[in-house]
C-alpha cells in the first residue's frame, strides 16, 4: 500500500486522487473578442463597449454532449466549467442578476446542459465561480478592475458595498449547489490580499478572505454539498492546492505543517484560458503527455483547459490536443489512474529522463521513458524486487537480467542488485512508452 498520507480535509478527495485527470472549461462572453479572458480589464473596456458581446452571445453550435464525449475519450474523469468568470457574466439562469445567458440570444441555461451531458458520460462535475466580478455595481474598484485608471475611479467607488456583493455570491453559490444535483468540485478564483497600486494609484488595493466573507461562503457550500472538494483560492486553506501554469518539482506541502497536500495543477493547451483566435504557443504532443506524467509522478492531478469558441464548439486545435491524450491514455491509462509517486526507496532506481508512478496498492511500478534509451536500461537496487516486465501499450514482454550476469552486457561492471531491461532498438510508436513492472 502507498505510504503517502495527505493532509485530512473536509472534502472527499479519495476519488479525486484516484482519477488524476480532468477537463477545465473557460467559456464566457470573452470568447467573442477572442483575445484573452481578461480582455475587459487588459483593454480597460467600458461597460457599454463590453455590452455588445452580451447582446450578441449566441452559441448556436454548443453541444455539451460532444465536449463530454471528447473529455471521456481523452481519459478525463471529471470537469470544471466557469459558471461565472471575472467579467461577471453568468452561464446559468440565476435569479439574482439579469447579466446571464438566458437573457442573451443563447436563451437557455448553458450550465444545465453541461451538467447533464458530462454526467451522462460518467464524469464528475464541478463549477468554477469567480470571486471577482467586474460587472457587479457593488464590487469595489481595485488593482485588477477595468475602471482602475479612470480619473474618477475613487468617486465611482463611493457607495459600493462589498458586504452586498458577498451576499450576492452566497446567493449564487446556493443556486449552483442546489439546482443541479450533486456537485463534486467548487473551484473559487481568486484572492490577492497583498496587491496594491503604485504612485497616484497607491489607494488601489487587493481583495482576500475578509472581502469575500470566505468563512461564510465555504460553510454554506459544505452545508449544501457535504463532501464537496473546494480549492484554496478563497484565501482559506481547504481541500485542494492549485498551482497554475507551472510544473511543480515536488509534492505540494502545507506551508505551516509540512503535511502532504492534495493538489492539482491547472494548465492550458496554449497561453490563454479563454478562446484566443490568434494565440500560437500551443503545446506539443510530447509536452502534453509529459505534463500529465510529471504531475502524477509527484502525487498530483492535472486539470487541462479548453476554451470553446463563441459559437460553442471546440476548435480544431483543441480537438487535436485532446486527441493526443485520447491516443496515449487508451493504452497507458493504467499508469495514471489509481497511481501516485513511487515509494521513497524506489525513487533512486529511476533512470535519467524517466519517471516512475506506482499503483496505490504498491504492486506495480510504471516506468515512463521520456527519452528512449538504446538497447538497455539499468535500474539499480531492483534486481530482486521485480518478477515480470512488459510494455504497457501492448503487453509485450521485456526481458530481465541481473547485473551479475556479465554475459548479458559485455564489458559491463554492474552491481548484482541492478535490474537490466533489454529494450527493442526501435522506439515503439508511442509518444512516451511505459514499462509496467510487477513487483514481488
Protein backbone atom coordinates (compact mmCIF):
# COMPACT_ATOMS: atom_id res chain seq x y z
CA UNK A 1 0.00 0.00 0.00
CA UNK A 2 1.11 3.59 -0.62
CA UNK A 3 2.83 5.16 2.37
CA UNK A 4 1.86 8.67 1.33
CA UNK A 5 -0.75 10.17 3.66
CA UNK A 6 -2.18 13.51 2.60
CA UNK A 7 -3.49 16.19 4.91
CA UNK A 8 -7.01 15.41 6.11
CA UNK A 9 -9.60 17.94 4.88
CA UNK A 10 -13.41 18.18 4.95
CA UNK A 11 -13.93 17.25 1.29
CA UNK A 12 -14.00 13.76 -0.19
CA UNK A 13 -10.72 13.64 -2.09
CA UNK A 14 -10.40 9.86 -2.33
CA UNK A 15 -11.97 9.59 -5.78
CA UNK A 16 -10.09 12.71 -6.87
CA UNK A 17 -6.68 11.26 -6.04
CA UNK A 18 -7.59 8.11 -7.94
CA UNK A 19 -8.90 9.77 -11.12
CA UNK A 20 -5.92 12.15 -11.58
CA UNK A 21 -7.08 13.85 -14.83
CA UNK A 22 -9.80 16.41 -15.51
CA UNK A 23 -11.03 19.00 -18.01
CA UNK A 24 -11.16 22.71 -17.23
CA UNK A 25 -13.54 24.73 -19.41
CA UNK A 26 -13.22 28.52 -19.66
CA UNK A 27 -16.20 29.87 -21.55
CA UNK A 28 -17.99 33.18 -21.45
CA UNK A 29 -18.57 36.44 -23.31
CA UNK A 30 -14.78 36.81 -23.70
CA UNK A 31 -14.91 34.09 -26.38
CA UNK A 32 -16.35 36.75 -28.70
CA UNK A 33 -13.44 39.23 -28.72
CA UNK A 34 -11.32 36.05 -28.72
CA UNK A 35 -8.17 37.68 -27.41
CA UNK A 36 -7.89 36.61 -23.75
CA UNK A 37 -10.41 36.01 -20.97
CA UNK A 38 -9.14 39.16 -19.20
CA UNK A 39 -9.76 41.32 -22.26
CA UNK A 40 -12.19 43.59 -20.41
CA UNK A 41 -9.55 44.74 -17.93
CA UNK A 42 -6.49 44.38 -20.17
CA UNK A 43 -8.05 46.83 -22.62
CA UNK A 44 -9.84 48.89 -19.92
CA UNK A 45 -13.14 48.37 -21.73
CA UNK A 46 -16.08 50.48 -20.54
CA UNK A 47 -19.28 48.65 -19.69
CA UNK A 48 -21.15 49.92 -22.75
CA UNK A 49 -18.42 48.54 -25.02
CA UNK A 50 -18.49 45.11 -23.39
CA UNK A 51 -22.28 45.12 -23.57
CA UNK A 52 -22.16 44.46 -27.31
CA UNK A 53 -20.87 40.95 -26.59
CA UNK A 54 -23.76 40.31 -24.21
CA UNK A 55 -26.26 41.41 -26.83
CA UNK A 56 -24.84 39.07 -29.47
CA UNK A 57 -23.83 35.99 -27.49
CA UNK A 58 -25.36 33.12 -29.48
CA UNK A 59 -23.53 29.78 -29.16
CA UNK A 60 -25.67 28.05 -31.77
CA UNK A 61 -23.19 25.18 -32.19
CA UNK A 62 -22.89 24.38 -28.49
CA UNK A 63 -23.23 20.65 -27.94
CA UNK A 64 -22.23 19.73 -24.41
CA UNK A 65 -22.52 16.06 -25.33
CA UNK A 66 -19.67 16.47 -27.82
CA UNK A 67 -17.49 18.13 -25.18
CA UNK A 68 -18.25 15.36 -22.69
CA UNK A 69 -17.54 12.62 -25.20
CA UNK A 70 -14.19 14.16 -26.12
CA UNK A 71 -13.30 14.55 -22.45
CA UNK A 72 -14.11 10.92 -21.70
CA UNK A 73 -12.18 9.69 -24.74
CA UNK A 74 -9.18 11.79 -23.65
CA UNK A 75 -9.17 9.88 -20.37
CA UNK A 76 -10.53 12.74 -18.26
CA UNK A 77 -12.65 11.68 -15.31
CA UNK A 78 -14.09 15.00 -14.15
CA UNK A 79 -14.68 18.52 -15.40
CA UNK A 80 -14.89 22.08 -14.07
CA UNK A 81 -16.84 24.74 -16.01
CA UNK A 82 -16.73 28.50 -15.48
CA UNK A 83 -20.23 29.21 -14.21
CA UNK A 84 -19.11 32.82 -13.79
CA UNK A 85 -15.74 34.34 -14.66
CA UNK A 86 -14.26 37.70 -13.69
CA UNK A 87 -16.40 39.53 -16.25
CA UNK A 88 -19.43 38.74 -14.05
CA UNK A 89 -21.48 37.10 -16.79
CA UNK A 90 -23.39 34.03 -15.57
CA UNK A 91 -23.61 30.91 -17.70
CA UNK A 92 -26.59 29.77 -15.64
CA UNK A 93 -30.10 31.08 -15.03
CA UNK A 94 -29.55 32.99 -11.80
CA UNK A 95 -32.47 34.84 -10.23
CA UNK A 96 -30.08 37.37 -8.69
CA UNK A 97 -28.90 39.07 -11.89
CA UNK A 98 -30.02 39.95 -15.38
CA UNK A 99 -26.44 39.52 -16.59
CA UNK A 100 -26.88 35.88 -17.60
CA UNK A 101 -27.01 33.61 -20.62
CA UNK A 102 -30.80 33.25 -20.59
CA UNK A 103 -31.07 36.98 -21.40
CA UNK A 104 -28.81 36.72 -24.45
CA UNK A 105 -29.65 35.20 -27.85
CA UNK A 106 -28.47 31.89 -26.31
CA UNK A 107 -31.74 31.90 -24.39
CA UNK A 108 -31.06 28.84 -22.26
CA UNK A 109 -29.21 27.60 -19.20
CA UNK A 110 -25.79 26.54 -20.53
CA UNK A 111 -24.60 25.17 -17.20
CA UNK A 112 -27.52 22.75 -17.02
CA UNK A 113 -26.64 21.30 -20.44
CA UNK A 114 -23.03 20.85 -19.31
CA UNK A 115 -24.02 19.08 -16.10
CA UNK A 116 -26.41 16.68 -17.83
CA UNK A 117 -24.02 15.84 -20.66
CA UNK A 118 -20.96 15.20 -18.51
CA UNK A 119 -22.89 13.14 -16.01
CA UNK A 120 -24.27 11.05 -18.87
CA UNK A 121 -20.68 10.21 -19.88
CA UNK A 122 -19.86 9.10 -16.34
CA UNK A 123 -17.74 12.15 -15.46
CA UNK A 124 -17.93 14.01 -12.18
CA UNK A 125 -18.90 17.67 -12.46
CA UNK A 126 -17.53 20.82 -10.90
CA UNK A 127 -18.18 24.55 -11.04
CA UNK A 128 -15.67 27.37 -11.25
CA UNK A 129 -17.05 30.51 -9.64
CA UNK A 130 -15.10 33.74 -9.82
CA UNK A 131 -14.84 35.73 -6.62
CA UNK A 132 -14.09 38.70 -8.86
CA UNK A 133 -16.91 40.48 -10.69
CA UNK A 134 -16.17 43.46 -12.92
CA UNK A 135 -19.87 43.95 -13.71
CA UNK A 136 -21.47 43.98 -10.27
CA UNK A 137 -22.24 47.54 -9.06
CA UNK A 138 -21.04 46.80 -5.51
CA UNK A 139 -17.73 45.18 -6.44
CA UNK A 140 -15.23 47.86 -5.46
CA UNK A 141 -12.65 49.09 -7.92
CA UNK A 142 -9.23 47.55 -7.17
CA UNK A 143 -5.88 46.84 -8.84
CA UNK A 144 -7.45 44.48 -11.42
CA UNK A 145 -10.69 46.33 -12.14
CA UNK A 146 -11.27 47.71 -15.67
CA UNK A 147 -12.09 51.16 -14.21
CA UNK A 148 -8.91 51.44 -12.15
CA UNK A 149 -7.38 54.08 -14.46
CA UNK A 150 -10.48 56.26 -14.74
CA UNK A 151 -9.84 59.79 -13.41
CA UNK A 152 -12.91 59.46 -11.19
CA UNK A 153 -12.25 55.89 -10.06
CA UNK A 154 -12.31 56.88 -6.39
CA UNK A 155 -15.62 58.63 -6.83
CA UNK A 156 -17.04 55.60 -8.61
CA UNK A 157 -16.22 53.54 -5.54
CA UNK A 158 -18.39 55.71 -3.31
CA UNK A 159 -21.49 53.83 -2.28
CA UNK A 160 -20.15 50.43 -3.31
CA UNK A 161 -20.52 47.87 -0.55
CA UNK A 162 -18.61 44.59 -0.64
CA UNK A 163 -20.94 43.17 2.01
CA UNK A 164 -23.77 43.36 -0.50
CA UNK A 165 -21.57 41.68 -3.11
CA UNK A 166 -20.52 38.94 -0.66
CA UNK A 167 -24.20 38.16 -0.05
CA UNK A 168 -24.74 38.08 -3.83
CA UNK A 169 -22.02 35.44 -4.11
CA UNK A 170 -23.59 33.34 -1.37
CA UNK A 171 -26.95 33.59 -3.09
CA UNK A 172 -25.49 32.43 -6.41
CA UNK A 173 -23.44 29.63 -4.87
CA UNK A 174 -26.66 28.48 -3.19
CA UNK A 175 -28.26 28.27 -6.64
CA UNK A 176 -25.35 26.38 -8.14
CA UNK A 177 -25.21 23.88 -5.30
CA UNK A 178 -28.98 23.43 -5.00
CA UNK A 179 -30.34 23.35 -8.55
CA UNK A 180 -28.06 20.91 -10.39
CA UNK A 181 -27.87 17.79 -8.23
CA UNK A 182 -24.65 16.52 -6.72
CA UNK A 183 -21.67 18.76 -7.45
CA UNK A 184 -18.23 17.27 -6.85
CA UNK A 185 -15.90 20.29 -7.02
CA UNK A 186 -16.26 24.00 -6.28
CA UNK A 187 -13.38 25.98 -7.73
CA UNK A 188 -13.19 29.58 -6.44
CA UNK A 189 -10.86 32.07 -8.14
CA UNK A 190 -9.02 34.09 -6.82
CA UNK A 191 -7.65 36.17 -3.90
CA UNK A 192 -4.99 38.88 -3.97
CA UNK A 193 -4.97 40.47 -0.50
CA UNK A 194 -1.45 41.89 -0.73
CA UNK A 195 -1.85 43.55 -4.14
CA UNK A 196 -1.71 47.36 -4.28
CA UNK A 197 -1.36 50.17 -6.74
CA UNK A 198 1.64 52.43 -7.13
CA UNK A 199 2.14 56.17 -7.25
CA UNK A 200 -1.13 58.04 -7.68
CA UNK A 201 -2.91 54.67 -7.64
CA UNK A 202 -1.49 53.61 -4.30
CA UNK A 203 -5.01 53.73 -2.87
CA UNK A 204 -5.96 50.75 -5.02
CA UNK A 205 -5.82 47.52 -3.04
CA UNK A 206 -6.45 43.82 -3.47
CA UNK A 207 -9.06 41.51 -2.00
CA UNK A 208 -9.00 38.48 0.27
CA UNK A 209 -10.99 36.42 2.72
CA UNK A 210 -12.49 39.39 4.56
CA UNK A 211 -13.81 40.90 1.33
CA UNK A 212 -15.31 37.62 0.14
CA UNK A 213 -16.50 36.69 3.65
CA UNK A 214 -14.90 33.38 2.80
CA UNK A 215 -15.72 31.58 6.02
CA UNK A 216 -19.45 32.12 5.48
CA UNK A 217 -19.17 31.25 1.79
CA UNK A 218 -17.34 27.98 2.37
CA UNK A 219 -19.53 26.99 5.33
CA UNK A 220 -22.57 27.47 3.08
CA UNK A 221 -21.07 25.30 0.34
CA UNK A 222 -20.24 22.50 2.77
CA UNK A 223 -23.72 22.59 4.27
CA UNK A 224 -25.36 22.34 0.83
CA UNK A 225 -22.98 19.74 -0.60
CA UNK A 226 -21.29 17.66 2.12
CA UNK A 227 -18.11 16.08 0.83
CA UNK A 228 -17.62 18.62 -1.98
CA UNK A 229 -13.99 19.42 -2.86
CA UNK A 230 -13.14 23.12 -2.52
CA UNK A 231 -9.89 24.76 -3.65
CA UNK A 232 -7.71 27.16 -1.66
CA UNK A 233 -8.26 30.34 -3.67
CA UNK A 234 -10.78 32.00 -1.36
CA UNK A 235 -7.78 32.84 0.84
CA UNK A 236 -8.56 29.96 3.19
CA UNK A 237 -6.88 26.56 3.07
CA UNK A 238 -9.38 23.88 2.11
CA UNK A 239 -9.11 20.55 0.29
CA UNK A 240 -7.08 21.40 -2.76
CA UNK A 241 -3.88 23.26 -3.64
CA UNK A 242 -3.91 24.63 -7.19
CA UNK A 243 -0.57 25.59 -8.75
CA UNK A 244 -1.30 27.31 -12.07
CA UNK A 245 0.62 27.30 -15.35
CA UNK A 246 3.81 25.77 -13.97
CA UNK A 247 5.02 22.26 -13.27
CA UNK A 248 5.82 21.62 -9.59
CA UNK A 249 9.06 19.76 -8.97
CA UNK A 250 7.96 18.17 -5.70
CA UNK A 251 4.78 17.14 -3.91
CA UNK A 252 2.97 20.24 -2.61
CA UNK A 253 3.14 20.56 1.17
CA UNK A 254 1.24 22.65 3.68
CA UNK A 255 3.33 25.73 4.38
CA UNK A 256 2.99 25.55 8.17
CA UNK A 257 2.73 21.85 8.99
CA UNK A 258 4.72 20.34 6.12
CA UNK A 259 1.94 17.82 5.52
CA UNK A 260 1.44 16.50 2.00
CA UNK A 261 -1.48 18.24 0.30
CA UNK A 262 -3.96 17.03 -2.25
CA UNK A 263 -3.01 19.12 -5.26
CA UNK A 264 -3.95 19.78 -8.83
CA UNK A 265 -2.07 21.79 -11.40
CA UNK A 266 -4.22 23.63 -13.93
CA UNK A 267 -2.71 24.08 -17.38
CA UNK A 268 -3.68 25.39 -20.80
CA UNK A 269 -3.14 23.94 -24.25
CA UNK A 270 -1.90 27.39 -25.27
CA UNK A 271 -1.17 30.63 -23.44
CA UNK A 272 -4.77 31.63 -22.80
CA UNK A 273 -7.64 30.13 -20.81
CA UNK A 274 -10.48 31.54 -22.89
CA UNK A 275 -10.70 31.06 -26.64
CA UNK A 276 -7.91 33.07 -28.28
CA UNK A 277 -8.14 33.05 -32.04
CA UNK A 278 -4.62 34.31 -32.75
CA UNK A 279 -2.67 32.63 -29.91
CA UNK A 280 0.16 30.49 -31.31
CA UNK A 281 2.00 28.98 -28.34
CA UNK A 282 0.18 25.65 -28.41
CA UNK A 283 1.97 22.88 -26.58
CA UNK A 284 3.45 19.95 -28.49
CA UNK A 285 2.03 16.42 -28.10
CA UNK A 286 5.18 15.37 -26.23
CA UNK A 287 4.82 18.23 -23.75
CA UNK A 288 1.16 17.43 -23.09
CA UNK A 289 1.83 13.81 -22.21
CA UNK A 290 4.90 14.68 -20.15
CA UNK A 291 2.87 17.19 -18.14
CA UNK A 292 0.39 14.51 -17.17
CA UNK A 293 3.10 12.01 -16.26
CA UNK A 294 5.20 14.54 -14.34
CA UNK A 295 2.16 15.58 -12.33
CA UNK A 296 1.07 12.08 -11.30
CA UNK A 297 4.70 11.14 -10.60
CA UNK A 298 4.61 13.79 -7.85
CA UNK A 299 1.24 12.73 -6.42
CA UNK A 300 -0.87 15.38 -8.16
CA UNK A 301 -3.75 15.80 -10.59
CA UNK A 302 -3.80 17.57 -13.95
CA UNK A 303 -6.70 19.86 -14.89
CA UNK A 304 -6.28 20.57 -18.61
CA UNK A 305 -8.14 23.55 -20.03
CA UNK A 306 -10.15 24.06 -23.21
CA UNK A 307 -11.58 27.39 -24.33
CA UNK A 308 -14.65 26.88 -26.53
CA UNK A 309 -15.41 29.33 -29.32
CA UNK A 310 -18.19 31.93 -29.14
CA UNK A 311 -20.36 29.61 -31.22
CA UNK A 312 -19.89 26.89 -28.66
CA UNK A 313 -17.62 24.29 -30.23
CA UNK A 314 -14.04 23.21 -29.56
CA UNK A 315 -11.84 24.35 -32.44
CA UNK A 316 -9.57 22.02 -34.37
CA UNK A 317 -6.50 22.88 -32.26
CA UNK A 318 -8.26 21.96 -29.03
CA UNK A 319 -9.67 18.78 -30.56
CA UNK A 320 -6.23 17.76 -31.81
CA UNK A 321 -4.74 18.30 -28.35
CA UNK A 322 -7.48 16.24 -26.72
CA UNK A 323 -6.85 13.51 -29.29
CA UNK A 324 -3.20 13.36 -28.18
CA UNK A 325 -4.39 12.38 -24.71
CA UNK A 326 -7.00 10.01 -26.13
CA UNK A 327 -4.42 8.12 -28.20
CA UNK A 328 -1.98 7.77 -25.30
CA UNK A 329 -4.46 7.12 -22.49
CA UNK A 330 -6.25 4.40 -24.47
CA UNK A 331 -3.27 2.11 -23.86
CA UNK A 332 -1.41 3.69 -20.95
CA UNK A 333 -4.03 4.95 -18.50
CA UNK A 334 -3.17 2.18 -16.04
CA UNK A 335 -0.03 4.14 -15.18
CA UNK A 336 -2.17 7.19 -14.30
CA UNK A 337 -5.42 6.11 -12.65
CA UNK A 338 -5.00 4.97 -9.06
CA UNK A 339 -1.31 5.83 -9.22
CA UNK A 340 0.88 8.17 -7.26
CA UNK A 341 4.51 8.98 -6.51
CA UNK A 342 6.69 5.89 -6.21
CA UNK A 343 7.72 4.78 -2.75
CA UNK A 344 10.82 6.66 -1.50
CA UNK A 345 13.05 3.57 -1.54
CA UNK A 346 12.23 3.00 -5.22
CA UNK A 347 12.87 6.53 -6.46
CA UNK A 348 16.70 6.23 -6.63
CA UNK A 349 16.29 3.44 -9.20
CA UNK A 350 14.56 5.73 -11.70
CA UNK A 351 16.94 6.41 -14.61
CA UNK A 352 17.62 9.84 -16.01
CA UNK A 353 14.94 11.04 -18.44
CA UNK A 354 12.40 8.64 -16.94
CA UNK A 355 9.58 8.95 -14.42
CA UNK A 356 8.05 6.45 -12.02
CA UNK A 357 4.44 6.19 -10.98
CA UNK A 358 3.24 3.41 -8.69
CA UNK A 359 -0.14 1.82 -8.12
CA UNK A 360 -1.51 2.73 -4.73
CA UNK A 361 -1.62 -0.94 -3.72
CA UNK A 362 2.14 -0.97 -4.26
CA UNK A 363 2.10 -3.98 -6.58
CA UNK A 364 3.03 -2.32 -9.87
CA UNK A 365 5.65 0.23 -10.80
CA UNK A 366 5.37 2.17 -14.05
CA UNK A 367 8.48 3.40 -15.81
CA UNK A 368 7.78 6.23 -18.29
CA UNK A 369 10.51 6.59 -20.91
CA UNK A 370 10.63 10.34 -21.59
CA UNK A 371 13.74 9.79 -23.71
CA UNK A 372 14.07 6.39 -25.31
CA UNK A 373 17.33 4.62 -24.37
CA UNK A 374 19.37 2.41 -26.65
CA UNK A 375 19.16 -1.32 -26.05
CA UNK A 376 19.42 -1.47 -22.24
CA UNK A 377 18.07 0.32 -19.20
CA UNK A 378 19.58 -0.20 -15.75
CA UNK A 379 17.54 0.02 -12.55
CA UNK A 380 19.86 -0.17 -9.52
CA UNK A 381 18.53 -1.97 -6.48
CA UNK A 382 15.59 -3.64 -8.23
CA UNK A 383 17.10 -6.96 -9.32
CA UNK A 384 15.30 -8.93 -6.62
CA UNK A 385 12.16 -6.82 -6.47
CA UNK A 386 10.67 -7.28 -9.96
CA UNK A 387 9.24 -10.58 -11.16
CA UNK A 388 7.98 -9.55 -14.62
CA UNK A 389 8.08 -6.56 -17.01
CA UNK A 390 6.14 -5.60 -20.13
CA UNK A 391 5.37 -2.65 -22.32
CA UNK A 392 2.05 -1.30 -21.12
CA UNK A 393 0.74 -0.27 -24.54
CA UNK A 394 0.75 -3.80 -26.00
CA UNK A 395 1.56 -6.16 -23.12
CA UNK A 396 4.72 -7.41 -24.79
CA UNK A 397 7.39 -8.88 -22.53
CA UNK A 398 10.57 -7.04 -21.61
CA UNK A 399 13.47 -9.41 -20.95
CA UNK A 400 15.01 -9.03 -17.48
CA UNK A 401 18.53 -9.81 -16.30
CA UNK A 402 20.61 -9.05 -13.23
CA UNK A 403 23.78 -7.01 -13.16
CA UNK A 404 25.74 -10.07 -12.05
CA UNK A 405 25.06 -11.77 -15.39
CA UNK A 406 28.00 -10.26 -17.26
CA UNK A 407 27.26 -12.13 -20.47
CA UNK A 408 24.17 -10.04 -20.90
CA UNK A 409 26.09 -6.79 -21.40
CA UNK A 410 29.67 -7.45 -22.43
CA UNK A 411 32.23 -5.45 -20.55
CA UNK A 412 29.78 -4.01 -18.02
CA UNK A 413 30.53 -3.82 -14.31
CA UNK A 414 27.09 -3.51 -12.77
CA UNK A 415 26.27 -4.34 -9.18
CA UNK A 416 24.45 -7.61 -8.60
CA UNK A 417 21.32 -5.82 -7.38
CA UNK A 418 20.90 -3.89 -10.65
CA UNK A 419 17.97 -4.89 -12.82
CA UNK A 420 18.68 -4.71 -16.54
CA UNK A 421 15.87 -4.23 -19.04
CA UNK A 422 16.60 -5.29 -22.59
CA UNK A 423 14.69 -3.00 -24.93
CA UNK A 424 13.93 -3.05 -28.68
CA UNK A 425 16.36 -0.97 -30.69
CA UNK A 426 13.48 0.95 -32.25
CA UNK A 427 11.20 3.00 -30.02
CA UNK A 428 7.58 1.80 -30.08
CA UNK A 429 5.16 4.12 -31.85
CA UNK A 430 4.07 5.73 -28.60
CA UNK A 431 4.86 9.33 -27.60
CA UNK A 432 6.05 8.18 -24.18
CA UNK A 433 6.36 4.38 -23.87
CA UNK A 434 5.60 2.90 -20.45
CA UNK A 435 7.09 -0.24 -18.93
CA UNK A 436 4.93 -2.00 -16.36
CA UNK A 437 6.99 -3.65 -13.63
CA UNK A 438 5.26 -6.28 -11.49
CA UNK A 439 6.79 -6.15 -8.03
CA UNK A 440 7.35 -9.19 -5.82
